N, C-alpha and C. Protein backbone atom coordinates (compact mmCIF):
# COMPACT_ATOMS: atom_id res chain seq x y z
N MET A 1 0.78 -1.15 -0.07
CA MET A 1 0.08 -0.06 0.01
C MET A 1 0.89 1.27 -0.01
N GLU A 2 2.18 1.11 0.33
CA GLU A 2 2.95 2.27 0.32
C GLU A 2 3.23 2.91 -1.19
N HIS A 3 2.79 2.24 -2.20
CA HIS A 3 3.12 2.80 -3.49
C HIS A 3 1.80 3.82 -3.91
N PHE A 4 0.63 3.65 -3.14
CA PHE A 4 -0.35 4.45 -3.67
C PHE A 4 -0.03 5.94 -3.48
N PRO A 5 0.62 6.38 -2.29
CA PRO A 5 0.99 7.85 -2.25
C PRO A 5 2.08 8.23 -3.28
N LYS A 6 2.99 7.28 -3.67
CA LYS A 6 3.86 7.51 -4.75
C LYS A 6 3.04 7.78 -6.08
N MET A 7 2.15 7.01 -6.40
CA MET A 7 1.32 7.15 -7.68
C MET A 7 0.59 8.43 -7.65
N TYR A 8 0.12 8.93 -6.49
CA TYR A 8 -0.68 10.15 -6.47
C TYR A 8 0.36 11.19 -6.64
N SER A 9 1.66 11.14 -5.93
CA SER A 9 2.53 12.19 -6.11
C SER A 9 3.02 12.37 -7.51
N LEU A 10 3.03 11.21 -8.19
CA LEU A 10 3.40 11.28 -9.70
C LEU A 10 2.44 12.13 -10.40
N LEU A 11 1.16 12.05 -10.21
CA LEU A 11 0.01 12.73 -10.86
C LEU A 11 0.17 14.23 -10.37
N ASN A 12 0.35 14.35 -9.15
CA ASN A 12 0.41 15.78 -8.56
C ASN A 12 1.59 16.61 -9.05
N ILE A 13 2.78 15.95 -9.04
CA ILE A 13 4.06 16.53 -9.55
C ILE A 13 3.88 16.85 -11.09
N SER A 14 3.32 15.91 -11.72
CA SER A 14 3.19 16.02 -13.22
C SER A 14 2.21 17.19 -13.55
N GLY A 15 1.29 17.44 -12.60
CA GLY A 15 0.41 18.56 -12.90
C GLY A 15 0.93 19.92 -13.16
N ILE A 16 2.18 20.13 -12.61
CA ILE A 16 2.91 21.30 -12.82
C ILE A 16 3.39 21.33 -14.21
N SER A 17 4.06 20.18 -14.75
CA SER A 17 4.65 20.19 -15.86
C SER A 17 3.59 19.77 -17.19
N GLN A 18 2.51 19.43 -16.72
CA GLN A 18 1.36 19.05 -17.60
C GLN A 18 1.65 17.69 -18.35
N LYS A 19 2.73 16.90 -18.04
CA LYS A 19 2.93 15.62 -18.57
C LYS A 19 3.37 14.68 -17.52
N ILE A 20 3.04 13.37 -17.76
CA ILE A 20 3.38 12.39 -16.94
C ILE A 20 3.75 11.11 -17.67
N ASN A 21 4.77 10.32 -17.18
CA ASN A 21 5.34 9.20 -17.68
C ASN A 21 4.18 8.04 -17.56
N LEU A 22 3.46 7.78 -18.40
CA LEU A 22 2.43 6.76 -18.31
C LEU A 22 2.95 5.45 -17.89
N GLY A 23 4.04 4.97 -18.57
CA GLY A 23 4.60 3.70 -18.30
C GLY A 23 5.07 3.57 -16.95
N GLU A 24 5.73 4.59 -16.38
CA GLU A 24 6.19 4.62 -14.82
C GLU A 24 4.80 4.57 -14.04
N TYR A 25 3.88 5.25 -14.29
CA TYR A 25 2.61 5.30 -13.48
C TYR A 25 1.90 3.88 -13.36
N LEU A 26 1.90 3.39 -14.74
CA LEU A 26 1.28 2.00 -14.70
C LEU A 26 2.11 0.98 -14.06
N ASN A 27 3.30 1.09 -14.06
CA ASN A 27 4.38 0.17 -13.23
C ASN A 27 3.97 0.33 -11.87
N GLN A 28 3.94 1.55 -11.41
CA GLN A 28 3.68 1.63 -9.94
C GLN A 28 2.26 1.02 -9.51
N ILE A 29 1.29 1.25 -10.29
CA ILE A 29 -0.09 0.53 -10.10
C ILE A 29 0.20 -1.03 -10.07
N THR A 30 0.89 -1.50 -11.04
CA THR A 30 1.14 -3.00 -11.10
C THR A 30 1.90 -3.50 -9.97
N ILE A 31 2.90 -2.74 -9.33
CA ILE A 31 3.63 -3.15 -8.32
C ILE A 31 2.80 -3.14 -7.00
N SER A 32 1.99 -2.19 -6.92
CA SER A 32 1.14 -1.95 -5.83
C SER A 32 0.08 -3.13 -5.67
N LEU A 33 -0.51 -3.36 -6.82
CA LEU A 33 -1.48 -4.40 -6.81
C LEU A 33 -0.95 -5.74 -6.50
N ALA A 34 0.27 -6.12 -7.05
CA ALA A 34 0.95 -7.28 -6.75
C ALA A 34 1.28 -7.47 -5.35
N GLU A 35 1.62 -6.47 -4.70
CA GLU A 35 2.02 -6.46 -3.27
C GLU A 35 0.64 -6.53 -2.46
N SER A 36 -0.46 -6.08 -2.92
CA SER A 36 -1.71 -6.29 -2.22
C SER A 36 -2.15 -7.63 -2.23
N TYR A 37 -1.83 -8.37 -3.35
CA TYR A 37 -2.22 -9.79 -3.38
C TYR A 37 -1.12 -10.78 -3.28
N ILE A 38 -0.19 -10.33 -2.25
CA ILE A 38 0.94 -11.18 -1.98
C ILE A 38 0.69 -12.61 -1.69
N GLU A 39 -0.50 -12.85 -1.04
CA GLU A 39 -0.82 -14.19 -0.75
C GLU A 39 -1.00 -15.15 -1.93
N ASP A 40 -1.32 -14.41 -3.17
CA ASP A 40 -1.38 -15.17 -4.43
C ASP A 40 -0.14 -15.30 -5.33
N ALA A 41 0.95 -14.64 -4.65
CA ALA A 41 2.11 -14.36 -5.56
C ALA A 41 2.76 -15.85 -5.92
N ALA A 42 2.61 -16.76 -5.13
CA ALA A 42 3.18 -18.10 -5.47
C ALA A 42 2.57 -18.71 -6.68
N ARG A 43 1.28 -18.45 -6.99
CA ARG A 43 0.53 -19.07 -7.91
C ARG A 43 0.04 -18.06 -9.19
N ILE A 44 0.19 -16.92 -8.96
CA ILE A 44 -0.03 -15.91 -10.05
C ILE A 44 0.95 -14.92 -10.24
N GLU A 45 1.57 -14.95 -11.48
CA GLU A 45 2.65 -14.11 -11.67
C GLU A 45 2.26 -13.01 -12.63
N ILE A 46 2.60 -11.78 -12.39
CA ILE A 46 2.21 -10.65 -13.13
C ILE A 46 3.60 -10.30 -13.87
N LYS A 47 3.40 -10.37 -15.16
CA LYS A 47 4.59 -9.95 -16.13
C LYS A 47 4.15 -8.68 -16.79
N SER A 48 5.03 -7.70 -16.76
CA SER A 48 4.69 -6.31 -17.19
C SER A 48 5.94 -5.69 -18.00
N SER A 49 5.48 -4.93 -19.05
CA SER A 49 6.43 -4.14 -19.75
C SER A 49 5.74 -2.92 -20.24
N PHE A 50 6.44 -1.81 -19.87
CA PHE A 50 5.82 -0.51 -20.07
C PHE A 50 6.70 0.41 -20.84
N ASP A 51 6.40 0.86 -21.97
CA ASP A 51 7.23 1.85 -22.81
C ASP A 51 6.98 3.23 -22.00
N SER A 52 8.09 4.09 -22.26
CA SER A 52 7.92 5.45 -21.66
C SER A 52 7.05 6.22 -22.62
N ILE A 53 5.84 6.68 -22.11
CA ILE A 53 5.07 7.56 -22.99
C ILE A 53 4.54 8.76 -22.19
N GLU A 54 4.77 10.04 -22.63
CA GLU A 54 4.47 11.09 -21.96
C GLU A 54 2.81 11.48 -22.33
N THR A 55 2.18 11.75 -21.29
CA THR A 55 0.65 12.14 -21.51
C THR A 55 0.36 13.00 -20.33
N SER A 56 -0.95 13.49 -20.59
CA SER A 56 -1.43 14.47 -19.53
C SER A 56 -1.88 13.67 -18.25
N PRO A 57 -1.76 14.23 -17.06
CA PRO A 57 -2.25 13.59 -15.89
C PRO A 57 -3.53 13.03 -15.84
N ARG A 58 -4.44 13.79 -16.60
CA ARG A 58 -5.94 13.33 -16.76
C ARG A 58 -5.87 12.01 -17.56
N THR A 59 -5.30 11.96 -18.65
CA THR A 59 -5.21 10.72 -19.35
C THR A 59 -4.58 9.62 -18.57
N ALA A 60 -3.53 9.80 -17.84
CA ALA A 60 -2.79 8.82 -17.05
C ALA A 60 -3.65 8.35 -16.00
N SER A 61 -4.44 9.24 -15.41
CA SER A 61 -5.43 8.82 -14.36
C SER A 61 -6.63 8.01 -14.91
N SER A 62 -7.07 8.31 -16.15
CA SER A 62 -8.16 7.48 -16.62
C SER A 62 -7.58 6.11 -17.10
N VAL A 63 -6.39 6.02 -17.71
CA VAL A 63 -5.79 4.75 -18.04
C VAL A 63 -5.46 4.03 -16.78
N GLY A 64 -5.04 4.70 -15.77
CA GLY A 64 -4.63 3.98 -14.55
C GLY A 64 -5.77 3.27 -13.86
N LEU A 65 -7.01 3.94 -13.76
CA LEU A 65 -8.15 3.49 -13.35
C LEU A 65 -8.63 2.10 -14.06
N ILE A 66 -8.43 2.25 -15.41
CA ILE A 66 -8.83 1.06 -16.22
C ILE A 66 -7.94 -0.19 -15.88
N VAL A 67 -6.65 0.07 -15.92
CA VAL A 67 -5.69 -0.96 -15.60
C VAL A 67 -5.75 -1.57 -14.36
N ASN A 68 -6.05 -0.69 -13.24
CA ASN A 68 -6.26 -1.07 -12.00
C ASN A 68 -7.49 -2.05 -11.83
N GLU A 69 -8.56 -1.68 -12.55
CA GLU A 69 -9.68 -2.42 -12.46
C GLU A 69 -9.64 -3.77 -13.14
N ILE A 70 -8.90 -3.84 -14.25
CA ILE A 70 -8.59 -5.09 -14.91
C ILE A 70 -7.78 -5.98 -14.22
N LEU A 71 -6.60 -5.52 -13.58
CA LEU A 71 -5.80 -6.26 -12.83
C LEU A 71 -6.49 -6.74 -11.62
N THR A 72 -7.21 -5.89 -10.93
CA THR A 72 -7.78 -6.26 -9.65
C THR A 72 -8.69 -7.62 -9.93
N ASN A 73 -9.68 -7.41 -11.04
CA ASN A 73 -10.57 -8.47 -11.45
C ASN A 73 -9.75 -9.74 -11.81
N SER A 74 -8.68 -9.53 -12.48
CA SER A 74 -7.90 -10.67 -12.86
C SER A 74 -7.31 -11.39 -11.76
N LEU A 75 -6.80 -10.73 -10.78
CA LEU A 75 -6.22 -11.36 -9.56
C LEU A 75 -7.23 -11.99 -8.80
N LYS A 76 -8.53 -11.44 -8.76
CA LYS A 76 -9.60 -12.05 -7.96
C LYS A 76 -10.25 -13.27 -8.58
N TYR A 77 -10.48 -13.11 -9.84
CA TYR A 77 -11.32 -14.13 -10.67
C TYR A 77 -10.76 -15.02 -11.71
N ALA A 78 -9.57 -14.66 -12.29
CA ALA A 78 -9.12 -15.35 -13.42
C ALA A 78 -8.64 -16.74 -13.04
N PHE A 79 -8.21 -17.00 -11.92
CA PHE A 79 -7.66 -18.32 -11.59
C PHE A 79 -8.48 -18.87 -10.32
N PRO A 80 -9.57 -19.45 -10.54
CA PRO A 80 -10.32 -20.03 -9.35
C PRO A 80 -9.68 -21.19 -8.89
N ASN A 81 -10.07 -21.62 -7.71
CA ASN A 81 -9.81 -22.86 -7.05
C ASN A 81 -8.13 -23.00 -6.84
N HIS A 82 -7.50 -21.91 -6.67
CA HIS A 82 -6.03 -21.86 -6.61
C HIS A 82 -5.24 -22.34 -7.60
N LYS A 83 -5.69 -22.16 -8.87
CA LYS A 83 -4.98 -22.53 -10.06
C LYS A 83 -3.86 -21.40 -10.27
N HIS A 84 -2.95 -21.91 -10.89
CA HIS A 84 -1.68 -21.06 -11.16
C HIS A 84 -1.84 -20.45 -12.53
N GLY A 85 -1.27 -19.30 -12.69
CA GLY A 85 -1.33 -18.63 -14.09
C GLY A 85 -0.56 -17.32 -14.06
N ASN A 86 -0.36 -16.83 -15.28
CA ASN A 86 0.32 -15.48 -15.51
C ASN A 86 -0.75 -14.42 -16.03
N ILE A 87 -0.45 -13.21 -15.62
CA ILE A 87 -1.15 -12.11 -16.15
C ILE A 87 -0.10 -11.09 -16.80
N TYR A 88 -0.35 -10.84 -17.96
CA TYR A 88 0.57 -10.01 -18.84
C TYR A 88 0.06 -8.61 -18.97
N VAL A 89 0.64 -7.69 -18.69
CA VAL A 89 0.33 -6.12 -18.91
C VAL A 89 1.40 -5.45 -19.60
N SER A 90 0.97 -4.75 -20.63
CA SER A 90 2.00 -3.90 -21.44
C SER A 90 1.48 -2.66 -21.96
N LEU A 91 2.46 -1.77 -22.23
CA LEU A 91 2.00 -0.52 -22.79
C LEU A 91 3.16 -0.27 -23.98
N LYS A 92 2.69 -0.29 -25.15
CA LYS A 92 3.76 -0.16 -26.16
C LYS A 92 3.47 1.05 -27.04
N LYS A 93 4.49 1.81 -27.29
CA LYS A 93 4.39 3.06 -28.23
C LYS A 93 4.33 2.64 -29.56
N GLN A 94 3.35 3.12 -30.47
CA GLN A 94 3.34 2.93 -31.81
C GLN A 94 3.61 4.12 -32.49
N MET A 95 4.39 4.05 -33.60
CA MET A 95 4.63 5.16 -34.44
C MET A 95 3.36 5.68 -35.11
N LYS A 96 3.28 6.93 -35.37
CA LYS A 96 2.03 7.50 -36.01
C LYS A 96 2.18 7.19 -37.47
N ARG A 97 1.08 6.79 -38.11
CA ARG A 97 1.07 6.47 -39.50
C ARG A 97 0.88 7.77 -40.22
N GLN A 98 1.58 7.89 -41.45
CA GLN A 98 1.48 9.09 -42.22
C GLN A 98 0.38 9.10 -43.20
C-alpha cells in the first residue's frame, strides 16, 4: 500500500509540467496491486512491460483506473480454485502513420 502515495505524487508533480510518464505510472499501479495480493504471488505471476510515453495527468489517471480495475478483477477471478497462471500487462508506443 505504500505505493499509492507515490502514484498520487506522480500525478500531482506532473500537474505542474502538464505531462506524466504513463509507463512509470502503470508500473507503480502494477507493483502496488501485486503487493496487495501477495498471498497469491506463489501461484499468479504478473509480467509487465511499459514503454515510456508522456501524456497528461488526466489521461494517465483514466488509463490507470482502467488498468487497476482489470488487474484487480484478474487477480480475484481469473484463476479460481487456487489455479496457477500468468497475467501480462504492457504498454507499447506505436509510431504515427503518415
